Amino acid sequence: LSRHFYVDTKRPTVRIGSARRVRGTTRLQLALSQSSQLRIWYGRPTWRDGSFVDVERRVGTSRVSVPFRADVVRVVAWDAARNKSRADVARVRG
């Protein structure tokens, strides 16, 4: 007997559509090619004073609201097979 199986080797893609400050929070609009675990770094452009948060989102367009004020955000995604996306970076407006 033989069985076919699928090995996921395709990395997810994440794109930041917008990053805005609204009443003390930072709102991101993201586009994901696969359901993924996201790590969102935030801080100043030097990355020395910031931190990060982890969230999980499904494929498609989603919004993330995080309780911090940042100048710059960077987002990286990992899928269930632990394939890592390239980072997307955006300046926060507002």
C-alpha atoms as a PDB file:
ATOM      1  CA  LEU A   1       0.000   0.000   0.000  1.00  0.00           C
ATOM      2  CA  SER A   2       1.086   3.541  -0.592  1.00  0.00           C
ATOM      3  CA  ARG A   3      -0.159   6.815   0.762  1.00  0.00           C
ATOM      4  CA  HIS A   4       0.315  10.299  -0.523  1.00  0.00           C
ATOM      5  CA  PHE A   5       1.284  12.959   1.931  1.00  0.00           C
ATOM      6  CA  TYR A   6       1.912  16.660   1.756  1.00  0.00           C
ATOM      7  CA  VAL A   7       4.885  18.443   3.267  1.00  0.00           C
ATOM      8  CA  ASP A   8       4.340  22.147   3.831  1.00  0.00           C
ATOM      9  CA  THR A   9       7.506  23.945   2.756  1.00  0.00           C
ATOM     10  CA  LYS A  10       5.942  27.201   1.593  1.00  0.00           C
ATOM     11  CA  ARG A  11       6.589  30.162   3.862  1.00  0.00           C
ATOM     12  CA  PRO A  12       3.655  32.374   4.808  1.00  0.00           C
ATOM     13  CA  THR A  13       3.562  35.989   3.712  1.00  0.00           C
ATOM     14  CA  VAL A  14       2.470  38.857   5.905  1.00  0.00           C
ATOM     15  CA  ARG A  15       1.857  42.422   4.745  1.00  0.00           C
ATOM     16  CA  ILE A  16       1.071  45.439   6.882  1.00  0.00           C
ATOM     17  CA  GLY A  17      -1.742  47.316   5.134  1.00  0.00           C
ATOM     18  CA  SER A  18      -1.854  50.126   7.665  1.00  0.00           C
ATOM     19  CA  ALA A  19      -0.459  51.018  11.082  1.00  0.00           C
ATOM     20  CA  ARG A  20      -2.168  53.838  13.007  1.00  0.00           C
ATOM     21  CA  ARG A  21      -2.239  55.290  16.503  1.00  0.00           C
ATOM     22  CA  VAL A  22      -5.749  55.584  17.908  1.00  0.00           C
ATOM     23  CA  ARG A  23      -6.382  56.742  21.499  1.00  0.00           C
ATOM     24  CA  GLY A  24      -3.210  55.312  23.008  1.00  0.00           C
ATOM     25  CA  THR A  25      -3.267  52.047  21.066  1.00  0.00           C
ATOM     26  CA  THR A  26      -1.710  50.955  17.806  1.00  0.00           C
ATOM     27  CA  ARG A  27      -4.023  49.395  15.220  1.00  0.00           C
ATOM     28  CA  LEU A  28      -2.630  47.241  12.453  1.00  0.00           C
ATOM     29  CA  GLN A  29      -4.352  45.908   9.379  1.00  0.00           C
ATOM     30  CA  LEU A  30      -2.592  42.769   8.147  1.00  0.00           C
ATOM     31  CA  ALA A  31      -2.905  40.461   5.144  1.00  0.00           C
ATOM     32  CA  LEU A  32      -1.881  36.818   5.683  1.00  0.00           C
ATOM     33  CA  SER A  33      -1.404  34.075   3.101  1.00  0.00           C
ATOM     34  CA  GLN A  34      -1.808  31.291   5.700  1.00  0.00           C
ATOM     35  CA  SER A  35      -3.142  30.959   9.229  1.00  0.00           C
ATOM     36  CA  SER A  36      -0.172  31.941  11.355  1.00  0.00           C
ATOM     37  CA  GLN A  37       1.309  32.805  14.703  1.00  0.00           C
ATOM     38  CA  LEU A  38       2.450  36.443  14.523  1.00  0.00           C
ATOM     39  CA  ARG A  39       5.168  38.206  16.465  1.00  0.00           C
ATOM     40  CA  ILE A  40       4.752  41.985  16.428  1.00  0.00           C
ATOM     41  CA  TRP A  41       7.761  44.033  17.543  1.00  0.00           C
ATOM     42  CA  TYR A  42       7.233  47.669  18.396  1.00  0.00           C
ATOM     43  CA  GLY A  43       9.271  50.642  19.480  1.00  0.00           C
ATOM     44  CA  ARG A  44      11.452  53.284  17.928  1.00  0.00           C
ATOM     45  CA  PRO A  45      13.346  52.905  14.632  1.00  0.00           C
ATOM     46  CA  THR A  46      16.496  51.763  16.508  1.00  0.00           C
ATOM     47  CA  TRP A  47      14.636  48.709  18.026  1.00  0.00           C
ATOM     48  CA  ARG A  48      16.511  49.202  21.314  1.00  0.00           C
ATOM     49  CA  ASP A  49      13.639  50.229  23.560  1.00  0.00           C
ATOM     50  CA  GLY A  50      10.750  48.134  22.291  1.00  0.00           C
ATOM     51  CA  SER A  51       9.221  44.789  23.038  1.00  0.00           C
ATOM     52  CA  PHE A  52       6.918  42.346  21.256  1.00  0.00           C
ATOM     53  CA  VAL A  53       3.544  40.633  21.460  1.00  0.00           C
ATOM     54  CA  ASP A  54       2.449  37.289  20.007  1.00  0.00           C
ATOM     55  CA  VAL A  55      -0.976  36.784  18.433  1.00  0.00           C
ATOM     56  CA  GLU A  56      -2.571  34.134  16.256  1.00  0.00           C
ATOM     57  CA  ARG A  57      -4.576  34.983  13.144  1.00  0.00           C
ATOM     58  CA  ARG A  58      -6.301  33.153  10.284  1.00  0.00           C
ATOM     59  CA  VAL A  59      -5.667  33.485   6.567  1.00  0.00           C
ATOM     60  CA  GLY A  60      -6.881  36.683   4.904  1.00  0.00           C
ATOM     61  CA  THR A  61      -7.164  40.244   6.136  1.00  0.00           C
ATOM     62  CA  SER A  62      -7.298  40.832   9.862  1.00  0.00           C
ATOM     63  CA  ARG A  63      -6.960  43.675  12.322  1.00  0.00           C
ATOM     64  CA  VAL A  64      -4.829  43.674  15.431  1.00  0.00           C
ATOM     65  CA  SER A  65      -5.158  46.283  18.149  1.00  0.00           C
ATOM     66  CA  VAL A  66      -2.364  46.334  20.712  1.00  0.00           C
ATOM     67  CA  PRO A  67      -2.157  48.546  23.829  1.00  0.00           C
ATOM     68  CA  PHE A  68       1.023  50.466  23.080  1.00  0.00           C
ATOM     69  CA  ARG A  69       2.155  53.569  21.247  1.00  0.00           C
ATOM     70  CA  ALA A  70       4.916  52.846  18.752  1.00  0.00           C
ATOM     71  CA  ASP A  71       6.792  54.706  16.054  1.00  0.00           C
ATOM     72  CA  VAL A  72       7.601  51.580  14.050  1.00  0.00           C
ATOM     73  CA  VAL A  73       6.233  48.007  13.975  1.00  0.00           C
ATOM     74  CA  ARG A  74       7.716  44.849  12.500  1.00  0.00           C
ATOM     75  CA  VAL A  75       5.680  41.674  11.933  1.00  0.00           C
ATOM     76  CA  VAL A  76       6.890  38.100  11.306  1.00  0.00           C
ATOM     77  CA  ALA A  77       4.591  35.078  10.820  1.00  0.00           C
ATOM     78  CA  TRP A  78       5.094  31.351  11.488  1.00  0.00           C
ATOM     79  CA  ASP A  79       2.707  28.723  10.143  1.00  0.00           C
ATOM     80  CA  ALA A  80       1.827  25.359  11.727  1.00  0.00           C
ATOM     81  CA  ALA A  81       4.811  23.692  10.021  1.00  0.00           C
ATOM     82  CA  ARG A  82       7.102  26.366  11.558  1.00  0.00           C
ATOM     83  CA  ASN A  83       7.890  28.003   8.209  1.00  0.00           C
ATOM     84  CA  LYS A  84       8.889  31.610   8.868  1.00  0.00           C
ATOM     85  CA  SER A  85       7.861  34.607   6.769  1.00  0.00           C
ATOM     86  CA  ARG A  86       9.995  37.565   5.858  1.00  0.00           C
ATOM     87  CA  ALA A  87       9.542  40.543   8.139  1.00  0.00           C
ATOM     88  CA  ASP A  88       7.358  43.451   7.103  1.00  0.00           C
ATOM     89  CA  VAL A  89       8.104  46.821   8.669  1.00  0.00           C
ATOM     90  CA  ALA A  90       5.923  49.937   8.772  1.00  0.00           C
ATOM     91  CA  ARG A  91       5.963  53.375  10.370  1.00  0.00           C
ATOM     92  CA  VAL A  92       2.958  54.076  12.556  1.00  0.00           C
ATOM     93  CA  ARG A  93       0.897  57.055  11.460  1.00  0.00           C
ATOM     94  CA  GLY A  94      -1.069  59.381  13.665  1.00  0.00           C
END
